[in-house]
């Protein structure tokens, strides 16, 4: 009987030792996985630091009407709401791509003239990308447009007010131009 009890205790001890050994192996695998995950996180942080960051939103800064003009004119948005990357010029109204990639641009312009249209175009370099025309007839009406564009470093994007068009703005920032980098190419 004593031998049976001793053998039983040895068997149980052996099973427990095997469980502890299995847990140590699992623990080592978990430690390796944690270290791998930490290395991947550090690599992603480094990649994020190296990636260009480009985003902006500017308002017109107007307090009243702009236009009509006898020819198309670039709208200069002078009131900075947010800017990262120093790529938009408040002197020329032109965004210059600091790096090649796919960017998204959006504009909102308000018109309310009873005698002038609200016609706005988005340009890439000298190419008209889109044209939005409204006829406010004395009521407030927005011209809104947006596009994703593939740009090379140095390409220009800007908004033009077409001839015989008029916009209106005030401190509520109805007229805005925004853009941001989606991804590099």
N, C-alpha and C. Protein backbone atom coordinates (compact mmCIF):
# COMPACT_ATOMS: atom_id res chain seq x y z
N UNK A 1 0.82 -1.18 0.00
CA UNK A 1 0.00 0.00 0.00
C UNK A 1 0.86 1.25 0.00
N UNK A 2 1.95 1.21 0.82
CA UNK A 2 2.83 2.37 0.88
C UNK A 2 3.51 2.59 -0.47
N UNK A 3 3.85 1.50 -1.14
CA UNK A 3 4.50 1.62 -2.44
C UNK A 3 3.53 2.23 -3.44
N UNK A 4 2.26 1.84 -3.39
CA UNK A 4 1.25 2.38 -4.30
C UNK A 4 1.07 3.88 -4.07
N UNK A 5 1.04 4.28 -2.83
CA UNK A 5 0.88 5.71 -2.51
C UNK A 5 2.09 6.49 -2.98
N UNK A 6 3.28 5.94 -2.78
CA UNK A 6 4.51 6.61 -3.20
C UNK A 6 4.54 6.73 -4.73
N UNK A 7 4.16 5.66 -5.43
CA UNK A 7 4.12 5.70 -6.89
C UNK A 7 3.08 6.71 -7.38
N UNK A 8 1.95 6.74 -6.73
CA UNK A 8 0.90 7.70 -7.09
C UNK A 8 1.41 9.13 -6.91
N UNK A 9 2.10 9.37 -5.78
CA UNK A 9 2.65 10.71 -5.53
C UNK A 9 3.71 11.06 -6.56
N UNK A 10 4.54 10.10 -6.94
CA UNK A 10 5.56 10.35 -7.96
C UNK A 10 4.92 10.67 -9.31
N UNK A 11 3.88 9.94 -9.65
CA UNK A 11 3.17 10.20 -10.91
C UNK A 11 2.57 11.60 -10.92
N UNK A 12 1.92 11.95 -9.81
CA UNK A 12 1.31 13.29 -9.71
C UNK A 12 2.37 14.37 -9.79
N UNK A 13 3.48 14.18 -9.13
CA UNK A 13 4.59 15.14 -9.15
C UNK A 13 5.12 15.28 -10.57
N UNK A 14 5.23 14.16 -11.27
CA UNK A 14 5.73 14.18 -12.65
C UNK A 14 4.79 14.97 -13.56
N UNK A 15 3.47 14.78 -13.39
CA UNK A 15 2.47 15.51 -14.17
C UNK A 15 2.57 17.01 -13.87
N UNK A 16 2.72 17.35 -12.60
CA UNK A 16 2.82 18.77 -12.23
C UNK A 16 4.09 19.38 -12.80
N UNK A 17 5.19 18.64 -12.77
CA UNK A 17 6.43 19.15 -13.33
C UNK A 17 6.29 19.37 -14.84
N UNK A 18 5.60 18.45 -15.51
CA UNK A 18 5.38 18.59 -16.95
C UNK A 18 4.56 19.87 -17.23
N UNK A 19 3.53 20.13 -16.42
CA UNK A 19 2.70 21.34 -16.58
C UNK A 19 3.54 22.60 -16.39
N UNK A 20 4.39 22.62 -15.39
CA UNK A 20 5.27 23.77 -15.15
C UNK A 20 6.20 23.96 -16.33
N UNK A 21 6.76 22.85 -16.85
CA UNK A 21 7.66 22.93 -17.99
C UNK A 21 6.92 23.47 -19.22
N UNK A 22 5.68 22.99 -19.44
CA UNK A 22 4.87 23.49 -20.55
C UNK A 22 4.59 24.98 -20.39
N UNK A 23 4.30 25.43 -19.19
CA UNK A 23 4.04 26.85 -18.94
C UNK A 23 5.28 27.69 -19.21
N UNK A 24 6.46 27.15 -18.88
CA UNK A 24 7.69 27.88 -19.15
C UNK A 24 7.91 28.05 -20.65
N UNK A 25 7.61 27.00 -21.42
CA UNK A 25 7.75 27.08 -22.88
C UNK A 25 6.78 28.11 -23.43
N UNK A 26 5.52 28.08 -23.00
CA UNK A 26 4.52 29.05 -23.43
C UNK A 26 4.95 30.45 -23.01
N UNK A 27 5.48 30.60 -21.80
CA UNK A 27 5.95 31.89 -21.32
C UNK A 27 7.07 32.43 -22.18
N UNK A 28 8.01 31.58 -22.60
CA UNK A 28 9.10 31.99 -23.47
C UNK A 28 8.57 32.44 -24.83
N UNK A 29 7.60 31.71 -25.38
CA UNK A 29 6.99 32.08 -26.66
C UNK A 29 6.28 33.42 -26.54
N UNK A 30 5.59 33.65 -25.43
CA UNK A 30 4.91 34.93 -25.21
C UNK A 30 5.92 36.06 -25.11
N UNK A 31 7.02 35.83 -24.42
CA UNK A 31 8.06 36.85 -24.31
C UNK A 31 8.62 37.20 -25.69
N UNK A 32 8.85 36.17 -26.53
CA UNK A 32 9.34 36.41 -27.88
C UNK A 32 8.33 37.20 -28.70
N UNK A 33 7.04 36.87 -28.56
CA UNK A 33 5.99 37.59 -29.30
C UNK A 33 5.89 39.04 -28.83
N UNK A 34 6.00 39.27 -27.53
CA UNK A 34 5.95 40.63 -26.99
C UNK A 34 7.12 41.44 -27.53
N UNK A 35 8.31 40.85 -27.55
CA UNK A 35 9.49 41.55 -28.06
C UNK A 35 9.31 41.87 -29.55
N UNK A 36 8.77 40.93 -30.33
CA UNK A 36 8.51 41.15 -31.75
C UNK A 36 7.53 42.31 -31.93
N UNK A 37 6.44 42.31 -31.14
CA UNK A 37 5.44 43.38 -31.23
C UNK A 37 6.05 44.73 -30.88
N UNK A 38 6.88 44.79 -29.86
CA UNK A 38 7.52 46.04 -29.48
C UNK A 38 8.44 46.55 -30.59
N UNK A 39 9.17 45.64 -31.23
CA UNK A 39 10.03 46.02 -32.34
C UNK A 39 9.21 46.57 -33.51
N UNK A 40 8.07 45.94 -33.80
CA UNK A 40 7.20 46.41 -34.88
C UNK A 40 6.64 47.79 -34.56
N UNK A 41 6.26 48.02 -33.32
CA UNK A 41 5.74 49.33 -32.90
C UNK A 41 6.81 50.40 -33.09
N UNK A 42 8.03 50.12 -32.69
CA UNK A 42 9.13 51.08 -32.84
C UNK A 42 9.40 51.37 -34.32
N UNK A 43 9.32 50.36 -35.17
CA UNK A 43 9.52 50.55 -36.61
C UNK A 43 8.42 51.44 -37.20
N UNK A 44 7.17 51.22 -36.80
CA UNK A 44 6.06 52.05 -37.27
C UNK A 44 6.21 53.50 -36.80
N UNK A 45 6.66 53.69 -35.57
CA UNK A 45 6.89 55.04 -35.06
C UNK A 45 7.95 55.75 -35.90
N UNK A 46 9.02 55.03 -36.24
CA UNK A 46 10.10 55.61 -37.04
C UNK A 46 9.59 55.96 -38.43
N UNK A 47 8.81 55.07 -39.03
CA UNK A 47 8.24 55.35 -40.35
C UNK A 47 7.33 56.57 -40.30
N UNK A 48 6.54 56.70 -39.25
CA UNK A 48 5.64 57.84 -39.11
C UNK A 48 6.42 59.14 -38.97
N UNK A 49 7.53 59.11 -38.24
CA UNK A 49 8.36 60.30 -38.08
C UNK A 49 8.97 60.72 -39.41
N UNK A 50 9.31 59.76 -40.27
CA UNK A 50 9.95 60.04 -41.54
C UNK A 50 8.96 60.47 -42.63
N UNK A 51 7.67 60.29 -42.42
CA UNK A 51 6.66 60.60 -43.41
C UNK A 51 6.31 62.09 -43.36
N UNK A 52 6.24 62.70 -44.54
CA UNK A 52 5.86 64.10 -44.62
C UNK A 52 4.44 64.28 -44.10
N UNK A 53 4.23 65.34 -43.37
CA UNK A 53 2.91 65.67 -42.85
C UNK A 53 2.46 66.96 -43.50
N UNK A 54 1.36 66.88 -44.25
CA UNK A 54 0.87 68.03 -44.99
C UNK A 54 -0.64 68.12 -44.81
N UNK A 55 -1.10 69.23 -44.25
CA UNK A 55 -2.54 69.47 -44.10
C UNK A 55 -2.74 70.95 -43.85
N UNK A 56 -3.81 71.50 -44.42
CA UNK A 56 -4.10 72.92 -44.18
C UNK A 56 -5.58 73.20 -44.35
N UNK A 57 -6.03 74.23 -43.67
CA UNK A 57 -7.33 74.84 -43.91
C UNK A 57 -7.16 76.34 -43.70
N UNK A 58 -7.53 77.09 -44.72
CA UNK A 58 -7.50 78.55 -44.66
C UNK A 58 -8.88 79.07 -45.02
N UNK A 59 -9.24 80.19 -44.42
CA UNK A 59 -10.46 80.91 -44.78
C UNK A 59 -10.05 82.16 -45.56
N UNK A 60 -11.00 82.77 -46.22
CA UNK A 60 -10.67 83.91 -47.07
C UNK A 60 -10.16 85.11 -46.27
N UNK A 61 -10.70 85.30 -45.07
CA UNK A 61 -10.34 86.49 -44.30
C UNK A 61 -11.08 87.73 -44.77
N UNK A 62 -12.01 87.56 -45.69
CA UNK A 62 -12.79 88.71 -46.20
C UNK A 62 -13.83 89.16 -45.19
N UNK A 63 -14.19 90.40 -45.29
CA UNK A 63 -15.33 90.93 -44.55
C UNK A 63 -16.15 91.74 -45.54
N UNK A 64 -16.85 91.00 -46.42
CA UNK A 64 -17.62 91.63 -47.48
C UNK A 64 -17.47 90.83 -48.76
N UNK A 65 -17.62 91.55 -49.90
CA UNK A 65 -17.62 90.90 -51.21
C UNK A 65 -16.23 90.89 -51.83
N UNK A 66 -16.00 89.91 -52.70
CA UNK A 66 -14.81 89.84 -53.53
C UNK A 66 -15.30 89.55 -54.93
N UNK A 67 -15.00 90.44 -55.88
CA UNK A 67 -15.49 90.32 -57.25
C UNK A 67 -16.69 91.22 -57.44
N UNK A 68 -17.18 91.31 -58.62
CA UNK A 68 -16.76 90.59 -59.82
C UNK A 68 -15.52 91.22 -60.45
N UNK A 69 -14.81 90.40 -61.24
CA UNK A 69 -13.63 90.83 -61.98
C UNK A 69 -13.87 90.55 -63.46
N UNK A 70 -13.14 91.25 -64.30
CA UNK A 70 -13.32 91.07 -65.75
C UNK A 70 -12.65 89.80 -66.27
N UNK A 71 -11.76 89.19 -65.47
CA UNK A 71 -11.12 87.93 -65.86
C UNK A 71 -11.06 87.01 -64.63
N UNK A 72 -10.70 85.76 -64.87
CA UNK A 72 -10.57 84.81 -63.76
C UNK A 72 -9.44 85.25 -62.83
N UNK A 73 -9.63 85.10 -61.52
CA UNK A 73 -8.60 85.48 -60.54
C UNK A 73 -8.44 84.36 -59.52
N UNK A 74 -7.21 84.16 -59.06
CA UNK A 74 -6.95 83.19 -58.01
C UNK A 74 -7.46 83.76 -56.69
N UNK A 75 -8.21 82.94 -55.97
CA UNK A 75 -8.70 83.36 -54.66
C UNK A 75 -7.58 83.09 -53.65
N UNK A 76 -7.21 84.13 -52.91
CA UNK A 76 -6.18 83.99 -51.90
C UNK A 76 -6.86 83.87 -50.54
N UNK A 77 -6.68 82.74 -49.90
CA UNK A 77 -7.25 82.48 -48.58
C UNK A 77 -6.17 82.87 -47.56
N UNK A 78 -6.43 83.93 -46.79
CA UNK A 78 -5.39 84.50 -45.94
C UNK A 78 -5.50 84.16 -44.46
N UNK A 79 -6.65 83.71 -44.02
CA UNK A 79 -6.85 83.47 -42.58
C UNK A 79 -6.56 82.01 -42.25
N UNK A 80 -5.46 81.78 -41.56
CA UNK A 80 -5.06 80.41 -41.23
C UNK A 80 -5.96 79.85 -40.14
N UNK A 81 -6.54 78.70 -40.42
CA UNK A 81 -7.29 77.94 -39.41
C UNK A 81 -6.38 76.84 -38.86
N UNK A 82 -5.67 76.16 -39.78
CA UNK A 82 -4.73 75.11 -39.39
C UNK A 82 -3.78 74.89 -40.56
N UNK A 83 -2.48 74.75 -40.24
CA UNK A 83 -1.51 74.49 -41.30
C UNK A 83 -0.36 73.66 -40.76
N UNK A 84 -0.10 72.55 -41.42
CA UNK A 84 1.04 71.69 -41.10
C UNK A 84 1.78 71.47 -42.42
N UNK A 85 3.04 71.79 -42.44
CA UNK A 85 3.84 71.52 -43.63
C UNK A 85 4.22 72.73 -44.46
N UNK A 86 3.70 73.90 -44.15
CA UNK A 86 4.10 75.14 -44.85
C UNK A 86 4.05 75.03 -46.37
N UNK A 87 2.96 74.52 -46.92
CA UNK A 87 2.88 74.30 -48.36
C UNK A 87 1.89 75.23 -49.07
N UNK A 88 1.10 75.98 -48.31
CA UNK A 88 0.13 76.90 -48.90
C UNK A 88 0.64 78.32 -48.69
N UNK A 89 0.60 79.12 -49.75
CA UNK A 89 1.05 80.51 -49.68
C UNK A 89 -0.14 81.46 -49.52
N UNK A 90 -0.14 82.23 -48.44
CA UNK A 90 -1.19 83.24 -48.24
C UNK A 90 -0.91 84.50 -49.06
N UNK A 91 0.19 84.53 -49.79
CA UNK A 91 0.51 85.65 -50.68
C UNK A 91 -0.05 85.37 -52.08
N UNK A 92 0.17 84.14 -52.57
CA UNK A 92 -0.26 83.80 -53.94
C UNK A 92 -1.57 83.02 -53.99
N UNK A 93 -1.96 82.38 -52.90
CA UNK A 93 -3.15 81.53 -52.89
C UNK A 93 -2.89 80.16 -53.50
N UNK A 94 -1.63 79.77 -53.61
CA UNK A 94 -1.26 78.53 -54.30
C UNK A 94 -0.66 77.53 -53.30
N UNK A 95 -1.13 76.28 -53.39
CA UNK A 95 -0.53 75.17 -52.65
C UNK A 95 0.54 74.57 -53.55
N UNK A 96 1.72 74.31 -52.99
CA UNK A 96 2.81 73.67 -53.72
C UNK A 96 3.13 72.35 -53.04
N UNK A 97 3.03 71.27 -53.78
CA UNK A 97 3.27 69.93 -53.21
C UNK A 97 4.73 69.81 -52.78
N UNK A 98 4.97 69.53 -51.48
CA UNK A 98 6.34 69.38 -51.01
C UNK A 98 6.93 68.01 -51.32
N UNK A 99 6.06 67.06 -51.69
CA UNK A 99 6.49 65.68 -51.93
C UNK A 99 5.45 65.03 -52.84
N UNK A 100 5.86 64.07 -53.63
CA UNK A 100 4.93 63.37 -54.53
C UNK A 100 3.99 62.50 -53.71
N UNK A 101 2.72 62.53 -54.11
CA UNK A 101 1.73 61.71 -53.41
C UNK A 101 0.33 62.01 -53.89
N UNK A 102 -0.63 61.36 -53.24
CA UNK A 102 -2.04 61.61 -53.52
C UNK A 102 -2.56 62.52 -52.42
N UNK A 103 -3.16 63.64 -52.84
CA UNK A 103 -3.66 64.66 -51.93
C UNK A 103 -5.17 64.81 -52.14
N UNK A 104 -5.85 65.29 -51.11
CA UNK A 104 -7.27 65.62 -51.25
C UNK A 104 -7.44 67.11 -50.99
N UNK A 105 -8.22 67.79 -51.85
CA UNK A 105 -8.50 69.22 -51.72
C UNK A 105 -10.00 69.45 -51.71
N UNK A 106 -10.39 70.49 -50.99
CA UNK A 106 -11.81 70.84 -50.90
C UNK A 106 -11.94 72.35 -50.76
N UNK A 107 -12.95 72.91 -51.42
CA UNK A 107 -13.23 74.34 -51.24
C UNK A 107 -14.72 74.54 -50.99
N UNK A 108 -15.01 75.58 -50.24
CA UNK A 108 -16.38 76.04 -49.99
C UNK A 108 -16.36 77.55 -50.23
N UNK A 109 -17.22 78.03 -51.10
CA UNK A 109 -17.30 79.47 -51.34
C UNK A 109 -18.76 79.88 -51.32
N UNK A 110 -19.02 81.02 -50.70
CA UNK A 110 -20.39 81.51 -50.52
C UNK A 110 -20.64 82.69 -51.44
N UNK A 111 -21.80 82.67 -52.05
CA UNK A 111 -22.24 83.80 -52.87
C UNK A 111 -23.65 84.20 -52.48
N UNK A 112 -23.97 85.47 -52.72
CA UNK A 112 -25.34 85.93 -52.44
C UNK A 112 -25.77 87.06 -53.37
N UNK A 113 -25.01 87.30 -54.41
CA UNK A 113 -25.30 88.40 -55.32
C UNK A 113 -26.58 88.12 -56.10
N UNK A 114 -27.35 89.17 -56.32
CA UNK A 114 -28.55 89.02 -57.15
C UNK A 114 -28.23 89.25 -58.62
N UNK A 115 -27.03 89.80 -58.89
CA UNK A 115 -26.69 90.11 -60.29
C UNK A 115 -25.45 89.39 -60.80
N UNK A 116 -24.71 88.68 -59.94
CA UNK A 116 -23.50 87.99 -60.38
C UNK A 116 -23.54 86.52 -59.98
N UNK A 117 -23.01 85.70 -60.85
CA UNK A 117 -22.96 84.26 -60.58
C UNK A 117 -21.88 83.96 -59.54
N UNK A 118 -21.86 82.72 -59.09
CA UNK A 118 -20.82 82.18 -58.21
C UNK A 118 -20.20 81.02 -58.98
N UNK A 119 -19.06 81.27 -59.64
CA UNK A 119 -18.42 80.26 -60.47
C UNK A 119 -16.97 80.11 -60.01
N UNK A 120 -16.62 78.88 -59.62
CA UNK A 120 -15.33 78.62 -59.01
C UNK A 120 -14.72 77.37 -59.66
N UNK A 121 -13.38 77.40 -59.85
CA UNK A 121 -12.68 76.26 -60.44
C UNK A 121 -11.51 75.85 -59.56
N UNK A 122 -11.25 74.55 -59.53
CA UNK A 122 -10.06 74.01 -58.88
C UNK A 122 -9.07 73.68 -59.98
N UNK A 123 -7.84 74.15 -59.82
CA UNK A 123 -6.79 73.93 -60.82
C UNK A 123 -5.64 73.12 -60.24
N UNK A 124 -5.05 72.29 -61.10
CA UNK A 124 -3.77 71.63 -60.83
C UNK A 124 -2.83 72.15 -61.91
N UNK A 125 -1.81 72.86 -61.48
CA UNK A 125 -0.93 73.56 -62.42
C UNK A 125 -1.81 74.45 -63.31
N UNK A 126 -1.83 74.29 -64.59
CA UNK A 126 -2.69 75.12 -65.45
C UNK A 126 -3.94 74.37 -65.90
N UNK A 127 -4.15 73.17 -65.37
CA UNK A 127 -5.27 72.32 -65.80
C UNK A 127 -6.48 72.50 -64.88
N UNK A 128 -7.61 72.81 -65.47
CA UNK A 128 -8.85 72.92 -64.71
C UNK A 128 -9.31 71.51 -64.35
N UNK A 129 -9.46 71.26 -63.05
CA UNK A 129 -9.87 69.94 -62.57
C UNK A 129 -11.38 69.87 -62.45
N UNK A 130 -11.98 70.89 -61.87
CA UNK A 130 -13.44 70.92 -61.78
C UNK A 130 -13.94 72.35 -61.73
N UNK A 131 -15.18 72.50 -62.10
CA UNK A 131 -15.83 73.82 -62.18
C UNK A 131 -17.20 73.70 -61.52
N UNK A 132 -17.47 74.59 -60.58
CA UNK A 132 -18.77 74.61 -59.91
C UNK A 132 -19.39 75.99 -60.14
N UNK A 133 -20.59 76.02 -60.69
CA UNK A 133 -21.27 77.29 -60.96
C UNK A 133 -22.65 77.29 -60.31
N UNK A 134 -22.92 78.37 -59.59
CA UNK A 134 -24.23 78.57 -58.95
C UNK A 134 -24.74 79.96 -59.34
N UNK A 135 -26.04 80.15 -59.21
CA UNK A 135 -26.66 81.44 -59.47
C UNK A 135 -27.48 81.83 -58.24
N UNK A 136 -26.86 82.54 -57.30
CA UNK A 136 -27.51 82.80 -56.00
C UNK A 136 -28.80 83.61 -56.06
N UNK A 137 -28.92 84.54 -57.01
CA UNK A 137 -30.12 85.39 -57.15
C UNK A 137 -30.55 86.03 -55.83
N UNK A 138 -29.55 86.54 -55.09
CA UNK A 138 -29.84 87.24 -53.86
C UNK A 138 -29.98 86.36 -52.63
N UNK A 139 -29.91 85.06 -52.80
CA UNK A 139 -29.98 84.11 -51.68
C UNK A 139 -28.58 83.56 -51.41
N UNK A 140 -28.31 83.20 -50.16
CA UNK A 140 -27.01 82.59 -49.86
C UNK A 140 -26.93 81.20 -50.49
N UNK A 141 -25.86 80.98 -51.24
CA UNK A 141 -25.67 79.69 -51.88
C UNK A 141 -24.18 79.37 -51.91
N UNK A 142 -23.85 78.09 -51.65
CA UNK A 142 -22.45 77.66 -51.63
C UNK A 142 -22.07 76.99 -52.93
N UNK A 143 -20.83 77.23 -53.34
CA UNK A 143 -20.18 76.44 -54.38
C UNK A 143 -19.17 75.57 -53.63
N UNK A 144 -19.35 74.25 -53.73
CA UNK A 144 -18.52 73.30 -52.99
C UNK A 144 -17.93 72.30 -53.97
N UNK A 145 -16.64 72.04 -53.81
CA UNK A 145 -16.00 71.05 -54.67
C UNK A 145 -14.84 70.41 -53.97
N UNK A 146 -14.49 69.23 -54.43
CA UNK A 146 -13.34 68.53 -53.86
C UNK A 146 -12.85 67.47 -54.81
N UNK A 147 -11.56 67.14 -54.69
CA UNK A 147 -10.98 66.13 -55.57
C UNK A 147 -9.72 65.56 -54.95
N UNK A 148 -9.48 64.27 -55.22
CA UNK A 148 -8.21 63.64 -54.89
C UNK A 148 -7.33 63.79 -56.12
N UNK A 149 -6.09 64.25 -55.91
CA UNK A 149 -5.18 64.51 -57.03
C UNK A 149 -3.83 63.84 -56.80
N UNK A 150 -3.31 63.26 -57.86
CA UNK A 150 -1.96 62.71 -57.83
C UNK A 150 -1.01 63.86 -58.20
N UNK A 151 -0.15 64.23 -57.26
CA UNK A 151 0.76 65.35 -57.48
C UNK A 151 2.21 64.90 -57.43
N UNK A 152 3.02 65.55 -58.25
CA UNK A 152 4.46 65.40 -58.16
C UNK A 152 4.98 66.55 -57.31
N UNK A 153 6.15 66.37 -56.72
CA UNK A 153 6.77 67.43 -55.95
C UNK A 153 6.85 68.68 -56.83
N UNK A 154 6.37 69.80 -56.30
CA UNK A 154 6.41 71.06 -57.03
C UNK A 154 5.13 71.40 -57.78
N UNK A 155 4.20 70.45 -57.91
CA UNK A 155 2.92 70.76 -58.56
C UNK A 155 2.15 71.80 -57.75
N UNK A 156 1.31 72.57 -58.44
CA UNK A 156 0.52 73.63 -57.80
C UNK A 156 -0.97 73.32 -57.87
N UNK A 157 -1.68 73.66 -56.78
CA UNK A 157 -3.14 73.53 -56.74
C UNK A 157 -3.69 74.85 -56.18
N UNK A 158 -4.76 75.35 -56.82
CA UNK A 158 -5.33 76.62 -56.39
C UNK A 158 -6.79 76.72 -56.84
N UNK A 159 -7.47 77.71 -56.29
CA UNK A 159 -8.88 77.96 -56.59
C UNK A 159 -8.99 79.28 -57.34
N UNK A 160 -9.74 79.28 -58.43
CA UNK A 160 -9.96 80.52 -59.18
C UNK A 160 -11.43 80.88 -59.16
N UNK A 161 -11.68 82.17 -58.99
CA UNK A 161 -13.01 82.74 -59.14
C UNK A 161 -13.13 83.16 -60.60
N UNK A 162 -14.13 82.66 -61.28
CA UNK A 162 -14.28 82.96 -62.70
C UNK A 162 -14.78 84.38 -62.90
N UNK A 163 -14.53 84.89 -64.10
CA UNK A 163 -14.91 86.27 -64.42
C UNK A 163 -16.40 86.50 -64.17
N UNK A 164 -16.71 87.69 -63.79
CA UNK A 164 -18.10 88.12 -63.51
C UNK A 164 -18.75 87.31 -62.39
N UNK A 165 -17.92 86.79 -61.49
CA UNK A 165 -18.41 86.05 -60.32
C UNK A 165 -18.11 86.83 -59.06
N UNK A 166 -18.86 86.52 -58.02
CA UNK A 166 -18.67 87.23 -56.75
C UNK A 166 -18.86 86.28 -55.58
N UNK A 167 -18.00 86.43 -54.57
CA UNK A 167 -18.16 85.69 -53.32
C UNK A 167 -18.31 86.68 -52.18
N UNK A 168 -18.80 86.17 -51.06
CA UNK A 168 -18.96 87.00 -49.87
C UNK A 168 -18.53 86.19 -48.66
N UNK A 169 -17.92 86.86 -47.70
CA UNK A 169 -17.49 86.17 -46.48
C UNK A 169 -17.45 87.16 -45.33
N UNK A 170 -17.33 86.60 -44.13
CA UNK A 170 -17.19 87.41 -42.92
C UNK A 170 -16.41 86.59 -41.90
N UNK A 171 -16.44 86.99 -40.67
CA UNK A 171 -15.67 86.30 -39.64
C UNK A 171 -16.15 84.88 -39.36
N UNK A 172 -17.28 84.47 -39.95
CA UNK A 172 -17.78 83.10 -39.77
C UNK A 172 -17.10 82.09 -40.69
N UNK A 173 -16.19 82.56 -41.54
CA UNK A 173 -15.38 81.68 -42.41
C UNK A 173 -16.22 80.80 -43.33
N UNK A 174 -17.07 81.42 -44.11
CA UNK A 174 -17.89 80.68 -45.07
C UNK A 174 -17.07 80.20 -46.27
N UNK A 175 -16.00 80.92 -46.58
CA UNK A 175 -15.16 80.60 -47.74
C UNK A 175 -13.85 79.98 -47.27
N UNK A 176 -13.65 78.70 -47.57
CA UNK A 176 -12.46 78.00 -47.10
C UNK A 176 -11.84 77.15 -48.21
N UNK A 177 -10.56 76.86 -48.01
CA UNK A 177 -9.81 75.98 -48.90
C UNK A 177 -8.97 75.07 -48.01
N UNK A 178 -9.10 73.76 -48.22
CA UNK A 178 -8.40 72.77 -47.40
C UNK A 178 -7.73 71.74 -48.28
N UNK A 179 -6.67 71.16 -47.75
CA UNK A 179 -6.00 70.08 -48.46
C UNK A 179 -5.15 69.27 -47.51
N UNK A 180 -4.92 68.02 -47.86
CA UNK A 180 -4.06 67.18 -47.03
C UNK A 180 -3.53 66.00 -47.85
N UNK A 181 -2.37 65.52 -47.42
CA UNK A 181 -1.73 64.37 -48.04
C UNK A 181 -2.42 63.10 -47.59
N UNK A 182 -2.86 62.29 -48.55
CA UNK A 182 -3.46 61.00 -48.22
C UNK A 182 -2.37 59.94 -48.06
N UNK A 183 -1.49 59.83 -49.08
CA UNK A 183 -0.39 58.88 -48.99
C UNK A 183 0.66 59.22 -50.03
N UNK A 184 1.87 58.74 -49.80
CA UNK A 184 3.00 59.00 -50.68
C UNK A 184 2.96 58.10 -51.91
N UNK A 185 3.59 58.54 -52.98
CA UNK A 185 3.70 57.76 -54.22
C UNK A 185 5.15 57.70 -54.63
